[in-house]
PDB file of N, CA and C in Angstrom:
ATOM      1  N   MET A   1      88.903  76.128 134.963  1.00  0.00           N
ATOM      2  CA  MET A   1      89.528  77.116 134.159  1.00  0.00           C
ATOM      3  C   MET A   1      90.509  77.046 133.837  1.00  0.00           C
ATOM      4  N   ARG A   2      91.376  77.481 133.031  1.00  0.00           N
ATOM      5  CA  ARG A   2      92.531  77.402 132.936  1.00  0.00           C
ATOM      6  C   ARG A   2      92.692  78.544 132.205  1.00  0.00           C
ATOM      7  N   HIS A   3      94.581  79.332 132.480  1.00  0.00           N
ATOM      8  CA  HIS A   3      94.698  80.583 132.218  1.00  0.00           C
ATOM      9  C   HIS A   3      96.152  80.161 132.104  1.00  0.00           C
ATOM     10  N   ALA A   4      96.835  81.410 132.032  1.00  0.00           N
ATOM     11  CA  ALA A   4      98.217  81.219 131.258  1.00  0.00           C
ATOM     12  C   ALA A   4      98.552  82.829 131.684  1.00  0.00           C
ATOM     13  N   ARG A   5      99.934  82.979 132.014  1.00  0.00           N
ATOM     14  CA  ARG A   5     100.406  83.964 132.546  1.00  0.00           C
ATOM     15  C   ARG A   5     101.861  84.487 131.418  1.00  0.00           C
ATOM     16  N   LEU A   6     101.683  85.126 130.408  1.00  0.00           N
ATOM     17  CA  LEU A   6     102.906  85.077 129.433  1.00  0.00           C
ATOM     18  C   LEU A   6     103.778  86.289 129.537  1.00  0.00           C
ATOM     19  N   VAL A   7     105.191  86.240 129.252  1.00  0.00           N
ATOM     20  CA  VAL A   7     106.149  87.162 129.273  1.00  0.00           C
ATOM     21  C   VAL A   7     106.241  88.176 127.867  1.00  0.00           C
ATOM     22  N   ILE A   8     105.815  88.743 127.508  1.00  0.00           N
ATOM     23  CA  ILE A   8     105.522  89.798 126.188  1.00  0.00           C
ATOM     24  C   ILE A   8     107.425  89.816 125.822  1.00  0.00           C
ATOM     25  N   HIS A   9     107.572  89.436 125.148  1.00  0.00           N
ATOM     26  CA  HIS A   9     109.184  89.896 124.129  1.00  0.00           C
ATOM     27  C   HIS A   9     109.319  91.591 123.538  1.00  0.00           C
ATOM     28  N   ARG A  10     108.393  91.327 122.776  1.00  0.00           N
ATOM     29  CA  ARG A  10     108.097  92.198 121.797  1.00  0.00           C
ATOM     30  C   ARG A  10     106.577  92.635 121.257  1.00  0.00           C
ATOM     31  N   LEU A  11     105.853  94.094 121.576  1.00  0.00           N
ATOM     32  CA  LEU A  11     104.782  94.745 121.600  1.00  0.00           C
ATOM     33  C   LEU A  11     104.384  95.327 120.553  1.00  0.00           C
ATOM     34  N   HIS A  12     103.659  94.897 119.399  1.00  0.00           N
ATOM     35  CA  HIS A  12     103.392  96.366 118.501  1.00  0.00           C
ATOM     36  C   HIS A  12     101.540  96.619 118.488  1.00  0.00           C
ATOM     37  N   LEU A  13     101.766  97.839 118.780  1.00  0.00           N
ATOM     38  CA  LEU A  13     100.166  98.588 118.919  1.00  0.00           C
ATOM     39  C   LEU A  13      99.618  99.119 117.956  1.00  0.00           C
ATOM     40  N   ASP A  14      98.800  98.600 116.557  1.00  0.00           N
ATOM     41  CA  ASP A  14      98.414  99.512 115.677  1.00  0.00           C
ATOM     42  C   ASP A  14     100.041  99.039 114.639  1.00  0.00           C
ATOM     43  N   ASP A  15     100.610  98.082 114.418  1.00  0.00           N
ATOM     44  CA  ASP A  15     101.911  98.348 113.685  1.00  0.00           C
ATOM     45  C   ASP A  15     103.656  98.617 114.280  1.00  0.00           C
ATOM     46  N   VAL A  16     102.655 100.068 115.225  1.00  0.00           N
ATOM     47  CA  VAL A  16     103.963  99.971 115.467  1.00  0.00           C
ATOM     48  C   VAL A  16     104.288  99.454 117.220  1.00  0.00           C
ATOM     49  N   GLU A  17     106.276  99.498 117.303  1.00  0.00           N
ATOM     50  CA  GLU A  17     106.383  98.901 117.626  1.00  0.00           C
ATOM     51  C   GLU A  17     106.499  99.832 119.475  1.00  0.00           C
ATOM     52  N   MET A  18     106.003  99.289 120.287  1.00  0.00           N
ATOM     53  CA  MET A  18     106.215  99.555 121.714  1.00  0.00           C
ATOM     54  C   MET A  18     107.098  99.018 122.290  1.00  0.00           C
ATOM     55  N   PRO A  19     108.296  99.738 122.881  1.00  0.00           N
ATOM     56  CA  PRO A  19     109.636  98.940 123.339  1.00  0.00           C
ATOM     57  C   PRO A  19     109.111  98.775 125.126  1.00  0.00           C
ATOM     58  N   VAL A  20     109.544  97.798 125.325  1.00  0.00           N
ATOM     59  CA  VAL A  20     108.999  97.418 126.783  1.00  0.00           C
ATOM     60  C   VAL A  20     109.805  97.529 127.780  1.00  0.00           C
ATOM     61  N   ARG A  21     109.892  97.816 128.533  1.00  0.00           N
ATOM     62  CA  ARG A  21     110.240  97.051 130.199  1.00  0.00           C
ATOM     63  C   ARG A  21     110.505  95.996 130.465  1.00  0.00           C
ATOM     64  N   LEU A  22     108.960  95.392 130.849  1.00  0.00           N
ATOM     65  CA  LEU A  22     107.856  94.654 131.069  1.00  0.00           C
ATOM     66  C   LEU A  22     106.883  94.226 130.648  1.00  0.00           C
ATOM     67  N   ALA A  23     106.266  93.556 130.070  1.00  0.00           N
ATOM     68  CA  ALA A  23     105.058  93.215 129.687  1.00  0.00           C
ATOM     69  C   ALA A  23     104.355  92.012 130.279  1.00  0.00           C
ATOM     70  N   THR A  24     103.448  92.014 130.581  1.00  0.00           N
ATOM     71  CA  THR A  24     102.516  90.667 130.547  1.00  0.00           C
ATOM     72  C   THR A  24     101.317  90.127 129.963  1.00  0.00           C
ATOM     73  N   LEU A  25     101.150  88.961 129.377  1.00  0.00           N
ATOM     74  CA  LEU A  25      99.682  88.613 129.226  1.00  0.00           C
ATOM     75  C   LEU A  25      98.746  87.848 129.671  1.00  0.00           C
ATOM     76  N   VAL A  26      97.553  87.411 130.425  1.00  0.00           N
ATOM     77  CA  VAL A  26      97.083  87.129 131.106  1.00  0.00           C
ATOM     78  C   VAL A  26      95.836  86.701 130.504  1.00  0.00           C
ATOM     79  N   VAL A  27      95.395  85.139 129.946  1.00  0.00           N
ATOM     80  CA  VAL A  27      94.863  84.817 129.344  1.00  0.00           C
ATOM     81  C   VAL A  27      93.675  83.889 130.223  1.00  0.00           C
ATOM     82  N   VAL A  28      92.869  84.115 130.155  1.00  0.00           N
ATOM     83  CA  VAL A  28      91.469  83.243 131.334  1.00  0.00           C
ATOM     84  C   VAL A  28      91.051  82.239 130.145  1.00  0.00           C
ATOM     85  N   ASP A  29      90.590  80.805 129.952  1.00  0.00           N
ATOM     86  CA  ASP A  29      89.335  80.112 129.355  1.00  0.00           C
ATOM     87  C   ASP A  29      88.366  79.777 130.389  1.00  0.00           C
ATOM     88  N   ARG A  30      87.280  80.476 130.096  1.00  0.00           N
ATOM     89  CA  ARG A  30      86.427  79.672 131.070  1.00  0.00           C
ATOM     90  C   ARG A  30      85.094  78.867 130.477  1.00  0.00           C
ATOM     91  N   GLY A  31      86.060  78.143 129.274  1.00  0.00           N
ATOM     92  CA  GLY A  31      85.161  77.754 128.526  1.00  0.00           C
ATOM     93  C   GLY A  31      84.028  77.883 127.766  1.00  0.00           C
ATOM     94  N   ALA A  32      84.334  79.350 127.401  1.00  0.00           N
ATOM     95  CA  ALA A  32      83.727  79.469 126.533  1.00  0.00           C
ATOM     96  C   ALA A  32      83.933  79.655 124.965  1.00  0.00           C
ATOM     97  N   ALA A  33      83.415  79.644 124.117  1.00  0.00           N
ATOM     98  CA  ALA A  33      83.997  80.328 123.060  1.00  0.00           C
ATOM     99  C   ALA A  33      85.410  81.047 122.396  1.00  0.00           C
ATOM    100  N   THR A  34      85.136  82.201 123.211  1.00  0.00           N
ATOM    101  CA  THR A  34      86.602  82.862 123.034  1.00  0.00           C
ATOM    102  C   THR A  34      87.328  82.907 124.581  1.00  0.00           C
ATOM    103  N   VAL A  35      88.472  83.376 124.863  1.00  0.00           N
ATOM    104  CA  VAL A  35      89.311  84.122 126.145  1.00  0.00           C
ATOM    105  C   VAL A  35      88.954  84.999 126.742  1.00  0.00           C
ATOM    106  N   ASP A  36      88.924  85.282 127.408  1.00  0.00           N
ATOM    107  CA  ASP A  36      89.492  86.698 128.152  1.00  0.00           C
ATOM    108  C   ASP A  36      90.623  86.923 128.285  1.00  0.00           C
ATOM    109  N   TRP A  37      91.588  87.641 127.521  1.00  0.00           N
ATOM    110  CA  TRP A  37      92.685  88.451 127.826  1.00  0.00           C
ATOM    111  C   TRP A  37      93.250  89.624 128.571  1.00  0.00           C
ATOM    112  N   GLU A  38      94.662  89.923 128.761  1.00  0.00           N
ATOM    113  CA  GLU A  38      94.620  91.477 128.894  1.00  0.00           C
ATOM    114  C   GLU A  38      96.267  91.488 129.219  1.00  0.00           C
ATOM    115  N   VAL A  39      96.377  92.572 128.894  1.00  0.00           N
ATOM    116  CA  VAL A  39      98.539  93.030 128.463  1.00  0.00           C
ATOM    117  C   VAL A  39      98.667  93.989 129.207  1.00  0.00           C
ATOM    118  N   VAL A  40      99.427  94.064 130.486  1.00  0.00           N
ATOM    119  CA  VAL A  40      99.716  95.065 131.207  1.00  0.00           C
ATOM    120  C   VAL A  40     101.255  95.356 130.944  1.00  0.00           C
ATOM    121  N   ALA A  41     101.922  96.614 130.479  1.00  0.00           N
ATOM    122  CA  ALA A  41     103.108  96.865 129.642  1.00  0.00           C
ATOM    123  C   ALA A  41     103.503  98.269 130.260  1.00  0.00           C
ATOM    124  N   GLU A  42     104.864  97.905 130.495  1.00  0.00           N
ATOM    125  CA  GLU A  42     105.766  99.302 130.987  1.00  0.00           C
ATOM    126  C   GLU A  42     106.222  99.531 129.867  1.00  0.00           C
ATOM    127  N   GLY A  43     106.443 100.525 129.534  1.00  0.00           N
ATOM    128  CA  GLY A  43     106.981 100.989 128.267  1.00  0.00           C
ATOM    129  C   GLY A  43     108.557 102.065 128.398  1.00  0.00           C
ATOM    130  N   LEU A  44     109.259 102.240 127.460  1.00  0.00           N
ATOM    131  CA  LEU A  44     110.576 102.845 128.228  1.00  0.00           C
ATOM    132  C   LEU A  44     110.074 104.597 127.641  1.00  0.00           C
ATOM    133  N   ALA A  45     109.086 104.501 127.429  1.00  0.00           N
ATOM    134  CA  ALA A  45     108.842 106.064 127.258  1.00  0.00           C
ATOM    135  C   ALA A  45     107.210 106.285 127.720  1.00  0.00           C
ATOM    136  N   ASP A  46     107.004 107.267 127.671  1.00  0.00           N
ATOM    137  CA  ASP A  46     105.604 107.743 128.308  1.00  0.00           C
ATOM    138  C   ASP A  46     104.323 106.580 126.932  1.00  0.00           C
ATOM    139  N   PHE A  47     103.207 106.183 127.569  1.00  0.00           N
ATOM    140  CA  PHE A  47     102.236 106.447 126.650  1.00  0.00           C
ATOM    141  C   PHE A  47     102.174 106.947 125.445  1.00  0.00           C
ATOM    142  N   THR A  48     101.515 107.498 124.392  1.00  0.00           N
ATOM    143  CA  THR A  48     101.157 108.369 123.370  1.00  0.00           C
ATOM    144  C   THR A  48      99.770 108.625 123.092  1.00  0.00           C
ATOM    145  N   GLY A  49      99.277 107.032 123.089  1.00  0.00           N
ATOM    146  CA  GLY A  49      97.920 106.849 122.335  1.00  0.00           C
ATOM    147  C   GLY A  49      96.582 106.737 123.628  1.00  0.00           C
ATOM    148  N   GLU A  50      95.889 107.149 123.200  1.00  0.00           N
ATOM    149  CA  GLU A  50      94.437 107.143 123.869  1.00  0.00           C
ATOM    150  C   GLU A  50      93.599 106.054 123.549  1.00  0.00           C
ATOM    151  N   LEU A  51      92.387 106.035 124.694  1.00  0.00           N
ATOM    152  CA  LEU A  51      91.681 105.632 125.562  1.00  0.00           C
ATOM    153  C   LEU A  51      90.945 105.111 124.010  1.00  0.00           C
ATOM    154  N   GLY A  52      90.892 103.608 123.616  1.00  0.00           N
ATOM    155  CA  GLY A  52      89.584 103.229 122.450  1.00  0.00           C
ATOM    156  C   GLY A  52      90.483 101.572 122.006  1.00  0.00           C
ATOM    157  N   ARG A  53      90.113 101.223 121.067  1.00  0.00           N
ATOM    158  CA  ARG A  53      90.340  99.872 119.972  1.00  0.00           C
ATOM    159  C   ARG A  53      91.570  99.946 119.442  1.00  0.00           C
ATOM    160  N   ILE A  54      92.434  99.160 119.663  1.00  0.00           N
ATOM    161  CA  ILE A  54      93.975  99.347 119.205  1.00  0.00           C
ATOM    162  C   ILE A  54      93.995  97.949 118.924  1.00  0.00           C
ATOM    163  N   ARG A  55      95.014  97.887 117.418  1.00  0.00           N
ATOM    164  CA  ARG A  55      95.570  96.240 117.208  1.00  0.00           C
ATOM    165  C   ARG A  55      96.557  95.541 118.020  1.00  0.00           C
ATOM    166  N   VAL A  56      96.976  94.891 118.725  1.00  0.00           N
ATOM    167  CA  VAL A  56      97.904  94.831 119.765  1.00  0.00           C
ATOM    168  C   VAL A  56      98.489  93.373 118.687  1.00  0.00           C
ATOM    169  N   GLU A  57     100.226  93.021 118.564  1.00  0.00           N
ATOM    170  CA  GLU A  57     100.527  91.940 118.076  1.00  0.00           C
ATOM    171  C   GLU A  57     101.714  91.787 119.421  1.00  0.00           C
ATOM    172  N   MET A  58     101.376  90.526 119.709  1.00  0.00           N
ATOM    173  CA  MET A  58     102.908  90.139 120.767  1.00  0.00           C
ATOM    174  C   MET A  58     103.488  89.073 120.534  1.00  0.00           C
ATOM    175  N   LEU A  59     104.801  88.812 120.505  1.00  0.00           N
ATOM    176  CA  LEU A  59     106.167  88.004 120.523  1.00  0.00           C
ATOM    177  C   LEU A  59     105.919  87.402 121.898  1.00  0.00           C
ATOM    178  N   CYS A  60     105.519  86.326 122.115  1.00  0.00           N
ATOM    179  CA  CYS A  60     105.386  85.941 123.878  1.00  0.00           C
ATOM    180  C   CYS A  60     106.339  84.593 123.759  1.00  0.00           C
ATOM    181  N   ILE A  61     107.169  84.648 125.054  1.00  0.00           N
ATOM    182  CA  ILE A  61     107.335  83.575 125.730  1.00  0.00           C
ATOM    183  C   ILE A  61     106.589  82.343 125.959  1.00  0.00           C
ATOM    184  N   THR A  62     106.438  81.293 125.448  1.00  0.00           N
ATOM    185  CA  THR A  62     105.444  80.131 126.065  1.00  0.00           C
ATOM    186  C   THR A  62     106.017  79.251 126.599  1.00  0.00           C
ATOM    187  N   GLY A  63     107.339  78.837 126.584  1.00  0.00           N
ATOM    188  CA  GLY A  63     107.594  77.914 127.382  1.00  0.00           C
ATOM    189  C   GLY A  63     109.183  77.771 127.240  1.00  0.00           C
ATOM    190  N   ALA A  64     109.662  76.592 127.078  1.00  0.00           N
ATOM    191  CA  ALA A  64     111.306  76.253 126.917  1.00  0.00           C
ATOM    192  C   ALA A  64     111.074  74.826 126.427  1.00  0.00           C
ATOM    193  N   ASN A  65     111.994  74.558 125.734  1.00  0.00           N
ATOM    194  CA  ASN A  65     112.817  73.229 125.583  1.00  0.00           C
ATOM    195  C   ASN A  65     113.168  72.374 126.102  1.00  0.00           C
ATOM    196  N   GLU A  66     113.517  71.374 126.433  1.00  0.00           N
ATOM    197  CA  GLU A  66     114.852  70.338 127.131  1.00  0.00           C
ATOM    198  C   GLU A  66     115.833  70.628 127.090  1.00  0.00           C
ATOM    199  N   SER A  67     116.262  71.732 126.367  1.00  0.00           N
ATOM    200  CA  SER A  67     117.694  72.192 126.336  1.00  0.00           C
ATOM    201  C   SER A  67     117.690  73.358 127.462  1.00  0.00           C
ATOM    202  N   GLY A  68     116.869  73.969 127.703  1.00  0.00           N
ATOM    203  CA  GLY A  68     116.481  75.223 128.158  1.00  0.00           C
ATOM    204  C   GLY A  68     116.165  76.428 127.412  1.00  0.00           C
ATOM    205  N   GLN A  69     116.377  76.061 126.281  1.00  0.00           N
ATOM    206  CA  GLN A  69     115.957  77.883 125.001  1.00  0.00           C
ATOM    207  C   GLN A  69     114.641  77.515 124.937  1.00  0.00           C
ATOM    208  N   LEU A  70     114.070  79.327 125.087  1.00  0.00           N
ATOM    209  CA  LEU A  70     112.835  79.871 125.482  1.00  0.00           C
ATOM    210  C   LEU A  70     112.111  79.182 123.864  1.00  0.00           C
ATOM    211  N   LEU A  71     110.770  79.007 123.998  1.00  0.00           N
ATOM    212  CA  LEU A  71     110.091  79.046 123.214  1.00  0.00           C
ATOM    213  C   LEU A  71     109.083  79.946 122.767  1.00  0.00           C
ATOM    214  N   LEU A  72     109.038  80.808 121.758  1.00  0.00           N
ATOM    215  CA  LEU A  72     108.123  81.954 121.347  1.00  0.00           C
ATOM    216  C   LEU A  72     107.105  82.065 120.678  1.00  0.00           C
ATOM    217  N   GLY A  73     105.944  82.490 121.029  1.00  0.00           N
ATOM    218  CA  GLY A  73     104.873  82.591 120.197  1.00  0.00           C
ATOM    219  C   GLY A  73     104.247  83.554 119.740  1.00  0.00           C
ATOM    220  N   GLU A  74     103.861  83.876 118.991  1.00  0.00           N
ATOM    221  CA  GLU A  74     102.947  84.902 118.243  1.00  0.00           C
ATOM    222  C   GLU A  74     101.805  84.895 118.107  1.00  0.00           C
ATOM    223  N   LEU A  75     101.268  85.966 118.254  1.00  0.00           N
ATOM    224  CA  LEU A  75     100.011  86.398 119.374  1.00  0.00           C
ATOM    225  C   LEU A  75      99.329  87.622 118.510  1.00  0.00           C
ATOM    226  N   CYS A  76      98.145  87.721 118.771  1.00  0.00           N
ATOM    227  CA  CYS A  76      97.287  88.736 117.914  1.00  0.00           C
ATOM    228  C   CYS A  76      95.785  89.134 118.025  1.00  0.00           C
ATOM    229  N   GLY A  77      95.635  90.202 118.420  1.00  0.00           N
ATOM    230  CA  GLY A  77      93.987  90.384 118.042  1.00  0.00           C
ATOM    231  C   GLY A  77      93.494  91.797 118.663  1.00  0.00           C
ATOM    232  N   GLU A  78      92.114  92.222 118.715  1.00  0.00           N
ATOM    233  CA  GLU A  78      92.033  93.757 118.647  1.00  0.00           C
ATOM    234  C   GLU A  78      91.660  93.793 120.584  1.00  0.00           C
ATOM    235  N   ALA A  79      92.347  94.712 120.922  1.00  0.00           N
ATOM    236  CA  ALA A  79      92.017  95.110 122.578  1.00  0.00           C
ATOM    237  C   ALA A  79      91.889  96.618 122.707  1.00  0.00           C
ATOM    238  N   ILE A  80      91.195  97.424 123.440  1.00  0.00           N
ATOM    239  CA  ILE A  80      90.955  98.364 124.183  1.00  0.00           C
ATOM    240  C   ILE A  80      91.558  98.506 124.893  1.00  0.00           C
ATOM    241  N   VAL A  81      92.485  99.985 124.989  1.00  0.00           N
ATOM    242  CA  VAL A  81      93.015 101.046 126.035  1.00  0.00           C
ATOM    243  C   VAL A  81      92.450 101.147 126.668  1.00  0.00           C
ATOM    244  N   VAL A  82      92.320 100.502 128.129  1.00  0.00           N
ATOM    245  CA  VAL A  82      91.463 100.827 129.274  1.00  0.00           C
ATOM    246  C   VAL A  82      91.886 102.263 129.930  1.00  0.00           C
ATOM    247  N   ARG A  83      93.006 102.113 129.866  1.00  0.00           N
ATOM    248  CA  ARG A  83      93.821 103.145 130.796  1.00  0.00           C
ATOM    249  C   ARG A  83      95.278 103.135 130.660  1.00  0.00           C
ATOM    250  N   PHE A  84      96.087 104.317 130.919  1.00  0.00           N
ATOM    251  CA  PHE A  84      97.412 104.397 130.911  1.00  0.00           C
ATOM    252  C   PHE A  84      97.784 105.820 131.724  1.00  0.00           C
ATOM    253  N   VAL A  85      98.969 104.961 132.264  1.00  0.00           N
ATOM    254  CA  VAL A  85      99.333 106.524 132.976  1.00  0.00           C
ATOM    255  C   VAL A  85     101.184 106.460 132.850  1.00  0.00           C
ATOM    256  N   GLY A  86     102.029 107.298 132.356  1.00  0.00           N
ATOM    257  CA  GLY A  86     102.674 107.076 132.024  1.00  0.00           C
ATOM    258  C   GLY A  86     103.383 106.587 130.853  1.00  0.00           C
ATOM    259  N   ALA A  87     104.058 105.879 131.370  1.00  0.00           N
ATOM    260  CA  ALA A  87     105.074 105.030 130.238  1.00  0.00           C
ATOM    261  C   ALA A  87     103.983 103.291 130.622  1.00  0.00           C
ATOM    262  N   THR A  88     103.036 103.243 130.988  1.00  0.00           N
ATOM    263  CA  THR A  88     102.317 102.157 131.838  1.00  0.00           C
ATOM    264  C   THR A  88     100.994 102.046 130.952  1.00  0.00           C
ATOM    265  N   VAL A  89     100.641 101.056 130.201  1.00  0.00           N
ATOM    266  CA  VAL A  89      99.600 101.054 129.834  1.00  0.00           C
ATOM    267  C   VAL A  89      98.435  99.206 129.554  1.00  0.00           C
ATOM    268  N   VAL A  90      97.495  99.890 129.943  1.00  0.00           N
ATOM    269  CA  VAL A  90      96.675  98.268 130.340  1.00  0.00           C
ATOM    270  C   VAL A  90      95.538  98.272 128.575  1.00  0.00           C
ATOM    271  N   LEU A  91      95.662  97.197 128.211  1.00  0.00           N
ATOM    272  CA  LEU A  91      95.018  96.670 126.848  1.00  0.00           C
ATOM    273  C   LEU A  91      93.756  95.530 128.017  1.00  0.00           C
ATOM    274  N   ARG A  92      92.640  95.877 127.021  1.00  0.00           N
ATOM    275  CA  ARG A  92      91.170  94.564 127.909  1.00  0.00           C
ATOM    276  C   ARG A  92      91.482  93.658 126.074  1.00  0.00           C
ATOM    277  N   GLY A  93      91.909  92.464 126.066  1.00  0.00           N
ATOM    278  CA  GLY A  93      90.911  92.015 124.528  1.00  0.00           C
ATOM    279  C   GLY A  93      89.331  92.599 124.219  1.00  0.00           C
ATOM    280  N   ASP A  94      89.564  92.370 123.571  1.00  0.00           N
ATOM    281  CA  ASP A  94      87.719  93.073 122.903  1.00  0.00           C
ATOM    282  C   ASP A  94      87.635  91.682 121.261  1.00  0.00           C
ATOM    283  N   GLY A  95      87.711  90.539 121.789  1.00  0.00           N
ATOM    284  CA  GLY A  95      87.567  89.696 121.046  1.00  0.00           C
ATOM    285  C   GLY A  95      88.368  88.308 121.048  1.00  0.00           C
ATOM    286  N   PRO A  96      88.404  87.424 119.858  1.00  0.00           N
ATOM    287  CA  PRO A  96      89.443  86.222 120.248  1.00  0.00           C
ATOM    288  C   PRO A  96      91.049  87.213 119.747  1.00  0.00           C
ATOM    289  N   LEU A  97      91.787  86.083 120.410  1.00  0.00           N
ATOM    290  CA  LEU A  97      93.091  86.259 121.170  1.00  0.00           C
ATOM    291  C   LEU A  97      93.746  84.783 119.572  1.00  0.00           C
ATOM    292  N   HIS A  98      94.273  85.173 118.810  1.00  0.00           N
ATOM    293  CA  HIS A  98      94.788  84.492 117.601  1.00  0.00           C
ATOM    294  C   HIS A  98      96.098  84.191 117.783  1.00  0.00           C
ATOM    295  N   GLY A  99      96.787  82.692 117.690  1.00  0.00           N
ATOM    296  CA  GLY A  99      97.750  82.149 117.750  1.00  0.00           C
ATOM    297  C   GLY A  99      98.055  81.566 118.854  1.00  0.00           C
ATOM    298  N   LEU A 100      96.661  81.145 119.709  1.00  0.00           N
ATOM    299  CA  LEU A 100      97.313  81.146 121.589  1.00  0.00           C
ATOM    300  C   LEU A 100      96.633  79.639 121.059  1.00  0.00           C
ATOM    301  N   SER A 101      97.853  78.930 121.436  1.00  0.00           N
ATOM    302  CA  SER A 101      97.842  77.492 121.593  1.00  0.00           C
ATOM    303  C   SER A 101      97.174  76.581 123.574  1.00  0.00           C
ATOM    304  N   ASP A 102      96.598  75.750 122.873  1.00  0.00           N
ATOM    305  CA  ASP A 102      96.199  74.947 124.258  1.00  0.00           C
ATOM    306  C   ASP A 102      97.415  74.515 124.794  1.00  0.00           C
ATOM    307  N   ALA A 103      98.484  74.647 124.491  1.00  0.00           N
ATOM    308  CA  ALA A 103      99.714  74.085 125.606  1.00  0.00           C
ATOM    309  C   ALA A 103     100.462  74.710 126.263  1.00  0.00           C
ATOM    310  N   VAL A 104     100.198  75.705 126.145  1.00  0.00           N
ATOM    311  CA  VAL A 104     100.334  77.153 127.625  1.00  0.00           C
ATOM    312  C   VAL A 104      99.064  77.133 128.459  1.00  0.00           C
ATOM    313  N   LEU A 105      98.369  76.807 128.033  1.00  0.00           N
ATOM    314  CA  LEU A 105      96.826  77.317 129.436  1.00  0.00           C
ATOM    315  C   LEU A 105      97.331  76.097 130.222  1.00  0.00           C
ATOM    316  N   GLU A 106      97.249  76.258 131.569  1.00  0.00           N
ATOM    317  CA  GLU A 106      97.319  75.418 132.401  1.00  0.00           C
ATOM    318  C   GLU A 106      95.716  75.222 133.154  1.00  0.00           C
ATOM    319  N   GLY A 107      95.674  74.340 133.820  1.00  0.00           N
ATOM    320  CA  GLY A 107      94.687  73.856 135.119  1.00  0.00           C
ATOM    321  C   GLY A 107      93.718  72.817 134.243  1.00  0.00           C
TER     322      GLY A 107
END
C-alpha cells in the first residue's frame, strides 16, 4: 500500500479560496484504479459551507529540490464535506485526484 501526507499551501472549495492556518491531504493507494484521499483543513474563519459534494483545488508541497527549495503541485478533484466544526472542515475524496504524481507516494 502506497501513501502520502502532504501539506496544503493553498485551498479552493468550489472556486472560492479558503485561507488556511493548517491543511493536510492524506492519500492512500491500495492498488485499485483510484486512490482514497482526505483533506483536513483549519481555516482562518468558520467554515460556512454545507455537508455535500464540493470541488476541491489544492496547491500542495510535494517535496524539495537539492537546494532545499519547496516543490509545489496542483491537485484537484471532487469531494464530500463529511463534517465541520467551527473553522475546521473534513473532506473525503469522491473520485479521482487529478495531478497526483507517483513520485509523492511512499511505500
